[in-house]
Amino acid sequence: MSRFVTLLWILIAGAGALALYQIKHEVIAQERELARLNRAIVQEQESIHVLRAEWSLVNQPKRLQALAERHLDLQPMKPGQFGRVDAVPAQSPQVPTAQPRAIAQERR
């Protein structure tokens, strides 16, 4: 009986050792994946920093003004270009509404 119990404990210890071995390798694989993801996050953050720097360089007001002067034919507004509020019509003209087909066919 004591040999059976000893053999049972040896089997339990072996199974435990195999389980620990499997868990250890899963943890190592998960740590590798975590390290890969952390490297990817760092690369993305560096890309974001570069893009923000480019965006701030591209959006400098002096640069935008020079581009607008070169490519757009904009002139400063003159006082005569402003209109009065009472010159705007109160209502828009009536636009005929489209009738659904069923109602239009009933009327025929």
PDB file of N, CA and C in Angstrom:
ATOM      1  N   MET A   1       0.821  -1.192   0.000  1.00  0.00           N
ATOM      2  CA  MET A   1       0.000   0.000   0.000  1.00  0.00           C
ATOM      3  C   MET A   1       0.850   1.235   0.000  1.00  0.00           C
ATOM      4  N   SER A   2       1.971   1.198   0.771  1.00  0.00           N
ATOM      5  CA  SER A   2       2.807   2.396   0.823  1.00  0.00           C
ATOM      6  C   SER A   2       3.513   2.617  -0.503  1.00  0.00           C
ATOM      7  N   ARG A   3       3.789   1.557  -1.280  1.00  0.00           N
ATOM      8  CA  ARG A   3       4.386   1.735  -2.608  1.00  0.00           C
ATOM      9  C   ARG A   3       3.394   2.418  -3.551  1.00  0.00           C
ATOM     10  N   PHE A   4       2.133   2.018  -3.421  1.00  0.00           N
ATOM     11  CA  PHE A   4       1.104   2.639  -4.251  1.00  0.00           C
ATOM     12  C   PHE A   4       0.996   4.130  -3.947  1.00  0.00           C
ATOM     13  N   VAL A   5       1.005   4.483  -2.668  1.00  0.00           N
ATOM     14  CA  VAL A   5       0.916   5.899  -2.279  1.00  0.00           C
ATOM     15  C   VAL A   5       2.149   6.654  -2.756  1.00  0.00           C
ATOM     16  N   THR A   6       3.323   6.028  -2.628  1.00  0.00           N
ATOM     17  CA  THR A   6       4.563   6.665  -3.095  1.00  0.00           C
ATOM     18  C   THR A   6       4.514   6.882  -4.607  1.00  0.00           C
ATOM     19  N   LEU A   7       4.076   5.850  -5.325  1.00  0.00           N
ATOM     20  CA  LEU A   7       3.946   5.971  -6.778  1.00  0.00           C
ATOM     21  C   LEU A   7       2.935   7.050  -7.151  1.00  0.00           C
ATOM     22  N   LEU A   8       1.838   7.120  -6.408  1.00  0.00           N
ATOM     23  CA  LEU A   8       0.827   8.154  -6.655  1.00  0.00           C
ATOM     24  C   LEU A   8       1.419   9.545  -6.443  1.00  0.00           C
ATOM     25  N   TRP A   9       2.188   9.712  -5.390  1.00  0.00           N
ATOM     26  CA  TRP A   9       2.818  11.027  -5.132  1.00  0.00           C
ATOM     27  C   TRP A   9       3.856  11.364  -6.184  1.00  0.00           C
ATOM     28  N   ILE A  10       4.551  10.367  -6.649  1.00  0.00           N
ATOM     29  CA  ILE A  10       5.535  10.621  -7.719  1.00  0.00           C
ATOM     30  C   ILE A  10       4.812  11.062  -8.988  1.00  0.00           C
ATOM     31  N   LEU A  11       3.696  10.415  -9.301  1.00  0.00           N
ATOM     32  CA  LEU A  11       2.915  10.817 -10.475  1.00  0.00           C
ATOM     33  C   LEU A  11       2.356  12.228 -10.304  1.00  0.00           C
ATOM     34  N   ILE A  12       1.863  12.531  -9.106  1.00  0.00           N
ATOM     35  CA  ILE A  12       1.336  13.879  -8.856  1.00  0.00           C
ATOM     36  C   ILE A  12       2.455  14.916  -8.967  1.00  0.00           C
ATOM     37  N   ALA A  13       3.633  14.590  -8.425  1.00  0.00           N
ATOM     38  CA  ALA A  13       4.765  15.521  -8.517  1.00  0.00           C
ATOM     39  C   ALA A  13       5.192  15.706  -9.971  1.00  0.00           C
ATOM     40  N   GLY A  14       5.204  14.612 -10.741  1.00  0.00           N
ATOM     41  CA  GLY A  14       5.557  14.716 -12.164  1.00  0.00           C
ATOM     42  C   GLY A  14       4.555  15.561 -12.932  1.00  0.00           C
ATOM     43  N   ALA A  15       3.272  15.346 -12.656  1.00  0.00           N
ATOM     44  CA  ALA A  15       2.240  16.140 -13.324  1.00  0.00           C
ATOM     45  C   ALA A  15       2.372  17.609 -12.950  1.00  0.00           C
ATOM     46  N   GLY A  16       2.666  17.877 -11.701  1.00  0.00           N
ATOM     47  CA  GLY A  16       2.869  19.263 -11.260  1.00  0.00           C
ATOM     48  C   GLY A  16       4.069  19.890 -11.944  1.00  0.00           C
ATOM     49  N   ALA A  17       5.154  19.102 -12.080  1.00  0.00           N
ATOM     50  CA  ALA A  17       6.346  19.628 -12.752  1.00  0.00           C
ATOM     51  C   ALA A  17       6.048  19.939 -14.210  1.00  0.00           C
ATOM     52  N   LEU A  18       5.303  19.046 -14.893  1.00  0.00           N
ATOM     53  CA  LEU A  18       4.934  19.313 -16.290  1.00  0.00           C
ATOM     54  C   LEU A  18       4.052  20.551 -16.405  1.00  0.00           C
ATOM     55  N   ALA A  19       3.111  20.694 -15.474  1.00  0.00           N
ATOM     56  CA  ALA A  19       2.242  21.876 -15.506  1.00  0.00           C
ATOM     57  C   ALA A  19       3.052  23.147 -15.291  1.00  0.00           C
ATOM     58  N   LEU A  20       3.998  23.118 -14.342  1.00  0.00           N
ATOM     59  CA  LEU A  20       4.845  24.292 -14.110  1.00  0.00           C
ATOM     60  C   LEU A  20       5.694  24.610 -15.337  1.00  0.00           C
ATOM     61  N   TYR A  21       6.206  23.556 -15.990  1.00  0.00           N
ATOM     62  CA  TYR A  21       7.019  23.747 -17.195  1.00  0.00           C
ATOM     63  C   TYR A  21       6.176  24.420 -18.291  1.00  0.00           C
ATOM     64  N   GLN A  22       4.958  23.935 -18.463  1.00  0.00           N
ATOM     65  CA  GLN A  22       4.063  24.511 -19.481  1.00  0.00           C
ATOM     66  C   GLN A  22       3.739  25.958 -19.146  1.00  0.00           C
ATOM     67  N   ILE A  23       3.422  26.233 -17.903  1.00  0.00           N
ATOM     68  CA  ILE A  23       3.077  27.603 -17.489  1.00  0.00           C
ATOM     69  C   ILE A  23       4.271  28.528 -17.676  1.00  0.00           C
ATOM     70  N   LYS A  24       5.473  28.018 -17.331  1.00  0.00           N
ATOM     71  CA  LYS A  24       6.677  28.834 -17.489  1.00  0.00           C
ATOM     72  C   LYS A  24       6.857  29.258 -18.947  1.00  0.00           C
ATOM     73  N   HIS A  25       6.679  28.332 -19.883  1.00  0.00           N
ATOM     74  CA  HIS A  25       6.844  28.676 -21.298  1.00  0.00           C
ATOM     75  C   HIS A  25       5.730  29.590 -21.793  1.00  0.00           C
ATOM     76  N   GLU A  26       4.530  29.436 -21.268  1.00  0.00           N
ATOM     77  CA  GLU A  26       3.458  30.364 -21.644  1.00  0.00           C
ATOM     78  C   GLU A  26       3.757  31.769 -21.138  1.00  0.00           C
ATOM     79  N   VAL A  27       4.301  31.871 -19.939  1.00  0.00           N
ATOM     80  CA  VAL A  27       4.659  33.172 -19.388  1.00  0.00           C
ATOM     81  C   VAL A  27       5.767  33.818 -20.213  1.00  0.00           C
ATOM     82  N   ILE A  28       6.744  33.020 -20.620  1.00  0.00           N
ATOM     83  CA  ILE A  28       7.831  33.558 -21.454  1.00  0.00           C
ATOM     84  C   ILE A  28       7.275  34.064 -22.782  1.00  0.00           C
ATOM     85  N   ALA A  29       6.358  33.297 -23.369  1.00  0.00           N
ATOM     86  CA  ALA A  29       5.760  33.728 -24.633  1.00  0.00           C
ATOM     87  C   ALA A  29       4.950  35.014 -24.437  1.00  0.00           C
ATOM     88  N   GLN A  30       4.212  35.098 -23.327  1.00  0.00           N
ATOM     89  CA  GLN A  30       3.431  36.306 -23.054  1.00  0.00           C
ATOM     90  C   GLN A  30       4.339  37.504 -22.818  1.00  0.00           C
ATOM     91  N   GLU A  31       5.478  37.283 -22.149  1.00  0.00           N
ATOM     92  CA  GLU A  31       6.426  38.386 -21.922  1.00  0.00           C
ATOM     93  C   GLU A  31       7.022  38.866 -23.244  1.00  0.00           C
ATOM     94  N   ARG A  32       7.310  37.950 -24.152  1.00  0.00           N
ATOM     95  CA  ARG A  32       7.810  38.345 -25.476  1.00  0.00           C
ATOM     96  C   ARG A  32       6.762  39.178 -26.222  1.00  0.00           C
ATOM     97  N   GLU A  33       5.513  38.731 -26.150  1.00  0.00           N
ATOM     98  CA  GLU A  33       4.439  39.466 -26.803  1.00  0.00           C
ATOM     99  C   GLU A  33       4.288  40.858 -26.186  1.00  0.00           C
ATOM    100  N   LEU A  34       4.375  40.931 -24.868  1.00  0.00           N
ATOM    101  CA  LEU A  34       4.279  42.225 -24.183  1.00  0.00           C
ATOM    102  C   LEU A  34       5.422  43.146 -24.592  1.00  0.00           C
ATOM    103  N   ALA A  35       6.629  42.601 -24.693  1.00  0.00           N
ATOM    104  CA  ALA A  35       7.779  43.413 -25.110  1.00  0.00           C
ATOM    105  C   ALA A  35       7.588  43.904 -26.542  1.00  0.00           C
ATOM    106  N   ARG A  36       7.049  43.024 -27.417  1.00  0.00           N
ATOM    107  CA  ARG A  36       6.804  43.425 -28.810  1.00  0.00           C
ATOM    108  C   ARG A  36       5.778  44.540 -28.859  1.00  0.00           C
ATOM    109  N   LEU A  37       4.710  44.404 -28.080  1.00  0.00           N
ATOM    110  CA  LEU A  37       3.678  45.440 -28.058  1.00  0.00           C
ATOM    111  C   LEU A  37       4.220  46.749 -27.495  1.00  0.00           C
ATOM    112  N   ASN A  38       5.061  46.673 -26.469  1.00  0.00           N
ATOM    113  CA  ASN A  38       5.646  47.900 -25.913  1.00  0.00           C
ATOM    114  C   ASN A  38       6.542  48.591 -26.933  1.00  0.00           C
ATOM    115  N   ARG A  39       7.313  47.809 -27.709  1.00  0.00           N
ATOM    116  CA  ARG A  39       8.135  48.415 -28.762  1.00  0.00           C
ATOM    117  C   ARG A  39       7.254  49.080 -29.821  1.00  0.00           C
ATOM    118  N   ALA A  40       6.157  48.417 -30.175  1.00  0.00           N
ATOM    119  CA  ALA A  40       5.246  48.992 -31.171  1.00  0.00           C
ATOM    120  C   ALA A  40       4.622  50.284 -30.649  1.00  0.00           C
ATOM    121  N   ILE A  41       4.278  50.305 -29.368  1.00  0.00           N
ATOM    122  CA  ILE A  41       3.696  51.516 -28.776  1.00  0.00           C
ATOM    123  C   ILE A  41       4.708  52.650 -28.797  1.00  0.00           C
ATOM    124  N   VAL A  42       5.953  52.347 -28.469  1.00  0.00           N
ATOM    125  CA  VAL A  42       6.998  53.384 -28.476  1.00  0.00           C
ATOM    126  C   VAL A  42       7.195  53.919 -29.890  1.00  0.00           C
ATOM    127  N   GLN A  43       7.200  53.021 -30.885  1.00  0.00           N
ATOM    128  CA  GLN A  43       7.346  53.481 -32.273  1.00  0.00           C
ATOM    129  C   GLN A  43       6.176  54.363 -32.688  1.00  0.00           C
ATOM    130  N   GLU A  44       4.960  53.980 -32.286  1.00  0.00           N
ATOM    131  CA  GLU A  44       3.795  54.792 -32.636  1.00  0.00           C
ATOM    132  C   GLU A  44       3.861  56.154 -31.952  1.00  0.00           C
ATOM    133  N   GLN A  45       4.301  56.187 -30.699  1.00  0.00           N
ATOM    134  CA  GLN A  45       4.425  57.462 -30.003  1.00  0.00           C
ATOM    135  C   GLN A  45       5.464  58.352 -30.668  1.00  0.00           C
ATOM    136  N   GLU A  46       6.573  57.744 -31.114  1.00  0.00           N
ATOM    137  CA  GLU A  46       7.582  58.541 -31.825  1.00  0.00           C
ATOM    138  C   GLU A  46       7.019  59.069 -33.141  1.00  0.00           C
ATOM    139  N   SER A  47       6.246  58.242 -33.831  1.00  0.00           N
ATOM    140  CA  SER A  47       5.613  58.700 -35.074  1.00  0.00           C
ATOM    141  C   SER A  47       4.658  59.849 -34.810  1.00  0.00           C
ATOM    142  N   ILE A  48       3.916  59.762 -33.732  1.00  0.00           N
ATOM    143  CA  ILE A  48       2.976  60.828 -33.377  1.00  0.00           C
ATOM    144  C   ILE A  48       3.735  62.111 -33.072  1.00  0.00           C
ATOM    145  N   HIS A  49       4.846  62.010 -32.373  1.00  0.00           N
ATOM    146  CA  HIS A  49       5.650  63.203 -32.080  1.00  0.00           C
ATOM    147  C   HIS A  49       6.163  63.839 -33.371  1.00  0.00           C
ATOM    148  N   VAL A  50       6.628  63.009 -34.289  1.00  0.00           N
ATOM    149  CA  VAL A  50       7.136  63.535 -35.568  1.00  0.00           C
ATOM    150  C   VAL A  50       6.008  64.205 -36.340  1.00  0.00           C
ATOM    151  N   LEU A  51       4.835  63.553 -36.373  1.00  0.00           N
ATOM    152  CA  LEU A  51       3.705  64.134 -37.103  1.00  0.00           C
ATOM    153  C   LEU A  51       3.248  65.445 -36.467  1.00  0.00           C
ATOM    154  N   ARG A  52       3.246  65.523 -35.147  1.00  0.00           N
ATOM    155  CA  ARG A  52       2.878  66.778 -34.491  1.00  0.00           C
ATOM    156  C   ARG A  52       3.882  67.877 -34.805  1.00  0.00           C
ATOM    157  N   ALA A  53       5.160  67.522 -34.848  1.00  0.00           N
ATOM    158  CA  ALA A  53       6.177  68.516 -35.188  1.00  0.00           C
ATOM    159  C   ALA A  53       5.986  69.005 -36.625  1.00  0.00           C
ATOM    160  N   GLU A  54       5.709  68.061 -37.536  1.00  0.00           N
ATOM    161  CA  GLU A  54       5.451  68.463 -38.925  1.00  0.00           C
ATOM    162  C   GLU A  54       4.209  69.337 -39.026  1.00  0.00           C
ATOM    163  N   TRP A  55       3.169  68.976 -38.276  1.00  0.00           N
ATOM    164  CA  TRP A  55       1.921  69.737 -38.318  1.00  0.00           C
ATOM    165  C   TRP A  55       2.140  71.160 -37.823  1.00  0.00           C
ATOM    166  N   SER A  56       2.902  71.303 -36.744  1.00  0.00           N
ATOM    167  CA  SER A  56       3.154  72.650 -36.232  1.00  0.00           C
ATOM    168  C   SER A  56       4.029  73.441 -37.199  1.00  0.00           C
ATOM    169  N   LEU A  57       4.937  72.780 -37.904  1.00  0.00           N
ATOM    170  CA  LEU A  57       5.764  73.461 -38.898  1.00  0.00           C
ATOM    171  C   LEU A  57       4.925  73.881 -40.104  1.00  0.00           C
ATOM    172  N   VAL A  58       4.046  73.005 -40.553  1.00  0.00           N
ATOM    173  CA  VAL A  58       3.228  73.302 -41.727  1.00  0.00           C
ATOM    174  C   VAL A  58       2.194  74.382 -41.421  1.00  0.00           C
ATOM    175  N   ASN A  59       1.717  74.461 -40.195  1.00  0.00           N
ATOM    176  CA  ASN A  59       0.665  75.410 -39.838  1.00  0.00           C
ATOM    177  C   ASN A  59       1.181  76.721 -39.271  1.00  0.00           C
ATOM    178  N   GLN A  60       2.421  77.054 -39.509  1.00  0.00           N
ATOM    179  CA  GLN A  60       2.905  78.343 -39.018  1.00  0.00           C
ATOM    180  C   GLN A  60       2.201  79.461 -39.775  1.00  0.00           C
ATOM    181  N   PRO A  61       1.719  80.473 -39.047  1.00  0.00           N
ATOM    182  CA  PRO A  61       0.952  81.536 -39.698  1.00  0.00           C
ATOM    183  C   PRO A  61       1.717  82.256 -40.806  1.00  0.00           C
ATOM    184  N   LYS A  62       2.987  82.488 -40.636  1.00  0.00           N
ATOM    185  CA  LYS A  62       3.752  83.168 -41.692  1.00  0.00           C
ATOM    186  C   LYS A  62       3.792  82.333 -42.966  1.00  0.00           C
ATOM    187  N   ARG A  63       3.964  81.030 -42.799  1.00  0.00           N
ATOM    188  CA  ARG A  63       3.988  80.144 -43.964  1.00  0.00           C
ATOM    189  C   ARG A  63       2.636  80.125 -44.649  1.00  0.00           C
ATOM    190  N   LEU A  64       1.550  80.030 -43.847  1.00  0.00           N
ATOM    191  CA  LEU A  64       0.207  80.005 -44.425  1.00  0.00           C
ATOM    192  C   LEU A  64      -0.098  81.312 -45.147  1.00  0.00           C
ATOM    193  N   GLN A  65       0.341  82.433 -44.561  1.00  0.00           N
ATOM    194  CA  GLN A  65       0.096  83.720 -45.203  1.00  0.00           C
ATOM    195  C   GLN A  65       0.842  83.810 -46.534  1.00  0.00           C
ATOM    196  N   ALA A  66       2.089  83.342 -46.557  1.00  0.00           N
ATOM    197  CA  ALA A  66       2.857  83.358 -47.806  1.00  0.00           C
ATOM    198  C   ALA A  66       2.195  82.477 -48.862  1.00  0.00           C
ATOM    199  N   LEU A  67       1.707  81.316 -48.471  1.00  0.00           N
ATOM    200  CA  LEU A  67       1.022  80.435 -49.424  1.00  0.00           C
ATOM    201  C   LEU A  67      -0.272  81.063 -49.929  1.00  0.00           C
ATOM    202  N   ALA A  68      -1.021  81.697 -49.019  1.00  0.00           N
ATOM    203  CA  ALA A  68      -2.272  82.346 -49.421  1.00  0.00           C
ATOM    204  C   ALA A  68      -1.997  83.493 -50.390  1.00  0.00           C
ATOM    205  N   GLU A  69      -0.976  84.271 -50.126  1.00  0.00           N
ATOM    206  CA  GLU A  69      -0.651  85.370 -51.040  1.00  0.00           C
ATOM    207  C   GLU A  69      -0.196  84.849 -52.396  1.00  0.00           C
ATOM    208  N   ARG A  70       0.502  83.725 -52.405  1.00  0.00           N
ATOM    209  CA  ARG A  70       1.022  83.183 -53.655  1.00  0.00           C
ATOM    210  C   ARG A  70      -0.068  82.512 -54.488  1.00  0.00           C
ATOM    211  N   HIS A  71      -0.977  81.767 -53.819  1.00  0.00           N
ATOM    212  CA  HIS A  71      -1.911  80.927 -54.568  1.00  0.00           C
ATOM    213  C   HIS A  71      -3.355  81.430 -54.577  1.00  0.00           C
ATOM    214  N   LEU A  72      -3.720  82.302 -53.687  1.00  0.00           N
ATOM    215  CA  LEU A  72      -5.100  82.782 -53.643  1.00  0.00           C
ATOM    216  C   LEU A  72      -5.135  84.247 -54.036  1.00  0.00           C
ATOM    217  N   ASP A  73      -6.203  84.610 -54.695  1.00  0.00           N
ATOM    218  CA  ASP A  73      -6.353  85.996 -55.122  1.00  0.00           C
ATOM    219  C   ASP A  73      -7.330  86.690 -54.178  1.00  0.00           C
ATOM    220  N   LEU A  74      -6.985  86.746 -52.917  1.00  0.00           N
ATOM    221  CA  LEU A  74      -7.869  87.343 -51.918  1.00  0.00           C
ATOM    222  C   LEU A  74      -7.469  88.789 -51.688  1.00  0.00           C
ATOM    223  N   GLN A  75      -8.470  89.595 -51.512  1.00  0.00           N
ATOM    224  CA  GLN A  75      -8.265  91.017 -51.235  1.00  0.00           C
ATOM    225  C   GLN A  75      -8.954  91.336 -49.923  1.00  0.00           C
ATOM    226  N   PRO A  76      -8.492  92.327 -49.197  1.00  0.00           N
ATOM    227  CA  PRO A  76      -9.204  92.720 -47.973  1.00  0.00           C
ATOM    228  C   PRO A  76     -10.592  93.253 -48.320  1.00  0.00           C
ATOM    229  N   MET A  77     -11.539  93.018 -47.418  1.00  0.00           N
ATOM    230  CA  MET A  77     -12.910  93.467 -47.665  1.00  0.00           C
ATOM    231  C   MET A  77     -12.980  94.980 -47.558  1.00  0.00           C
ATOM    232  N   LYS A  78     -13.845  95.545 -48.401  1.00  0.00           N
ATOM    233  CA  LYS A  78     -14.074  96.981 -48.371  1.00  0.00           C
ATOM    234  C   LYS A  78     -15.418  97.230 -47.709  1.00  0.00           C
ATOM    235  N   PRO A  79     -15.605  98.412 -47.130  1.00  0.00           N
ATOM    236  CA  PRO A  79     -16.882  98.684 -46.435  1.00  0.00           C
ATOM    237  C   PRO A  79     -18.092  98.584 -47.368  1.00  0.00           C
ATOM    238  N   GLY A  80     -17.960  98.855 -48.654  1.00  0.00           N
ATOM    239  CA  GLY A  80     -19.081  98.780 -49.571  1.00  0.00           C
ATOM    240  C   GLY A  80     -19.552  97.364 -49.826  1.00  0.00           C
ATOM    241  N   GLN A  81     -18.766  96.369 -49.455  1.00  0.00           N
ATOM    242  CA  GLN A  81     -19.146  94.979 -49.684  1.00  0.00           C
ATOM    243  C   GLN A  81     -20.090  94.444 -48.618  1.00  0.00           C
ATOM    244  N   PHE A  82     -20.244  95.190 -47.537  1.00  0.00           N
ATOM    245  CA  PHE A  82     -21.154  94.738 -46.478  1.00  0.00           C
ATOM    246  C   PHE A  82     -22.578  95.113 -46.852  1.00  0.00           C
ATOM    247  N   GLY A  83     -23.535  94.282 -46.556  1.00  0.00           N
ATOM    248  CA  GLY A  83     -24.934  94.561 -46.816  1.00  0.00           C
ATOM    249  C   GLY A  83     -25.664  94.844 -45.526  1.00  0.00           C
ATOM    250  N   ARG A  84     -26.918  95.249 -45.668  1.00  0.00           N
ATOM    251  CA  ARG A  84     -27.732  95.522 -44.504  1.00  0.00           C
ATOM    252  C   ARG A  84     -28.610  94.311 -44.231  1.00  0.00           C
ATOM    253  N   VAL A  85     -28.953  94.136 -42.977  1.00  0.00           N
ATOM    254  CA  VAL A  85     -29.762  92.976 -42.587  1.00  0.00           C
ATOM    255  C   VAL A  85     -31.165  93.102 -43.158  1.00  0.00           C
ATOM    256  N   ASP A  86     -31.726  94.313 -43.206  1.00  0.00           N
ATOM    257  CA  ASP A  86     -33.094  94.470 -43.714  1.00  0.00           C
ATOM    258  C   ASP A  86     -33.166  94.278 -45.223  1.00  0.00           C
ATOM    259  N   ALA A  87     -32.036  94.187 -45.910  1.00  0.00           N
ATOM    260  CA  ALA A  87     -32.046  93.909 -47.345  1.00  0.00           C
ATOM    261  C   ALA A  87     -32.244  92.424 -47.634  1.00  0.00           C
ATOM    262  N   VAL A  88     -32.120  91.593 -46.614  1.00  0.00           N
ATOM    263  CA  VAL A  88     -32.311  90.154 -46.783  1.00  0.00           C
ATOM    264  C   VAL A  88     -33.807  89.863 -46.750  1.00  0.00           C
ATOM    265  N   PRO A  89     -34.365  89.113 -47.722  1.00  0.00           N
ATOM    266  CA  PRO A  89     -35.809  88.817 -47.697  1.00  0.00           C
ATOM    267  C   PRO A  89     -36.183  88.015 -46.449  1.00  0.00           C
ATOM    268  N   ALA A  90     -37.405  88.336 -45.917  1.00  0.00           N
ATOM    269  CA  ALA A  90     -37.850  87.690 -44.680  1.00  0.00           C
ATOM    270  C   ALA A  90     -38.116  86.214 -44.882  1.00  0.00           C
ATOM    271  N   GLN A  91     -38.738  85.842 -46.007  1.00  0.00           N
ATOM    272  CA  GLN A  91     -39.026  84.434 -46.269  1.00  0.00           C
ATOM    273  C   GLN A  91     -38.467  84.061 -47.631  1.00  0.00           C
ATOM    274  N   SER A  92     -38.133  82.809 -47.730  1.00  0.00           N
ATOM    275  CA  SER A  92     -37.686  82.334 -49.036  1.00  0.00           C
ATOM    276  C   SER A  92     -38.921  82.125 -49.905  1.00  0.00           C
ATOM    277  N   PRO A  93     -38.810  82.248 -51.220  1.00  0.00           N
ATOM    278  CA  PRO A  93     -39.980  82.032 -52.090  1.00  0.00           C
ATOM    279  C   PRO A  93     -40.483  80.596 -51.953  1.00  0.00           C
ATOM    280  N   GLN A  94     -41.821  80.450 -52.183  1.00  0.00           N
ATOM    281  CA  GLN A  94     -42.434  79.132 -52.060  1.00  0.00           C
ATOM    282  C   GLN A  94     -41.915  78.214 -53.157  1.00  0.00           C
ATOM    283  N   VAL A  95     -41.487  77.056 -52.726  1.00  0.00           N
ATOM    284  CA  VAL A  95     -41.005  76.039 -53.655  1.00  0.00           C
ATOM    285  C   VAL A  95     -42.058  74.947 -53.697  1.00  0.00           C
ATOM    286  N   PRO A  96     -42.530  74.573 -54.914  1.00  0.00           N
ATOM    287  CA  PRO A  96     -43.535  73.496 -54.956  1.00  0.00           C
ATOM    288  C   PRO A  96     -42.937  72.192 -54.423  1.00  0.00           C
ATOM    289  N   THR A  97     -43.735  71.531 -53.615  1.00  0.00           N
ATOM    290  CA  THR A  97     -43.269  70.281 -53.022  1.00  0.00           C
ATOM    291  C   THR A  97     -43.651  69.118 -53.925  1.00  0.00           C
ATOM    292  N   ALA A  98     -42.861  68.114 -53.925  1.00  0.00           N
ATOM    293  CA  ALA A  98     -43.134  66.921 -54.717  1.00  0.00           C
ATOM    294  C   ALA A  98     -44.183  66.089 -54.000  1.00  0.00           C
ATOM    295  N   GLN A  99     -45.149  65.558 -54.772  1.00  0.00           N
ATOM    296  CA  GLN A  99     -46.182  64.727 -54.177  1.00  0.00           C
ATOM    297  C   GLN A  99     -45.818  63.267 -54.387  1.00  0.00           C
ATOM    298  N   PRO A 100     -46.154  62.446 -53.411  1.00  0.00           N
ATOM    299  CA  PRO A 100     -45.894  61.007 -53.600  1.00  0.00           C
ATOM    300  C   PRO A 100     -46.707  60.474 -54.772  1.00  0.00           C
ATOM    301  N   ARG A 101     -46.249  59.416 -55.414  1.00  0.00           N
ATOM    302  CA  ARG A 101     -46.885  58.862 -56.597  1.00  0.00           C
ATOM    303  C   ARG A 101     -48.327  58.424 -56.341  1.00  0.00           C
ATOM    304  N   ALA A 102     -48.594  57.829 -55.209  1.00  0.00           N
ATOM    305  CA  ALA A 102     -49.949  57.332 -54.923  1.00  0.00           C
ATOM    306  C   ALA A 102     -50.939  58.479 -54.902  1.00  0.00           C
ATOM    307  N   ILE A 103     -50.603  59.582 -54.274  1.00  0.00           N
ATOM    308  CA  ILE A 103     -51.513  60.727 -54.219  1.00  0.00           C
ATOM    309  C   ILE A 103     -51.637  61.347 -55.607  1.00  0.00           C
ATOM    310  N   ALA A 104     -50.556  61.436 -56.332  1.00  0.00           N
ATOM    311  CA  ALA A 104     -50.598  62.014 -57.669  1.00  0.00           C
ATOM    312  C   ALA A 104     -51.465  61.162 -58.591  1.00  0.00           C
ATOM    313  N   GLN A 105     -51.444  59.822 -58.460  1.00  0.00           N
ATOM    314  CA  GLN A 105     -52.250  58.958 -59.325  1.00  0.00           C
ATOM    315  C   GLN A 105     -53.723  59.031 -58.948  1.00  0.00           C
ATOM    316  N   GLU A 106     -54.038  59.227 -57.638  1.00  0.00           N
ATOM    317  CA  GLU A 106     -55.439  59.348 -57.225  1.00  0.00           C
ATOM    318  C   GLU A 106     -56.075  60.595 -57.817  1.00  0.00           C
ATOM    319  N   ARG A 107     -55.326  61.614 -57.930  1.00  0.00           N
ATOM    320  CA  ARG A 107     -55.868  62.883 -58.447  1.00  0.00           C
ATOM    321  C   ARG A 107     -56.132  62.827 -59.949  1.00  0.00           C
ATOM    322  N   ARG A 108     -55.531  61.853 -60.625  1.00  0.00           N
ATOM    323  CA  ARG A 108     -55.725  61.769 -62.084  1.00  0.00           C
ATOM    324  C   ARG A 108     -57.059  61.245 -62.407  1.00  0.00           C
TER     325      ARG A 108
END
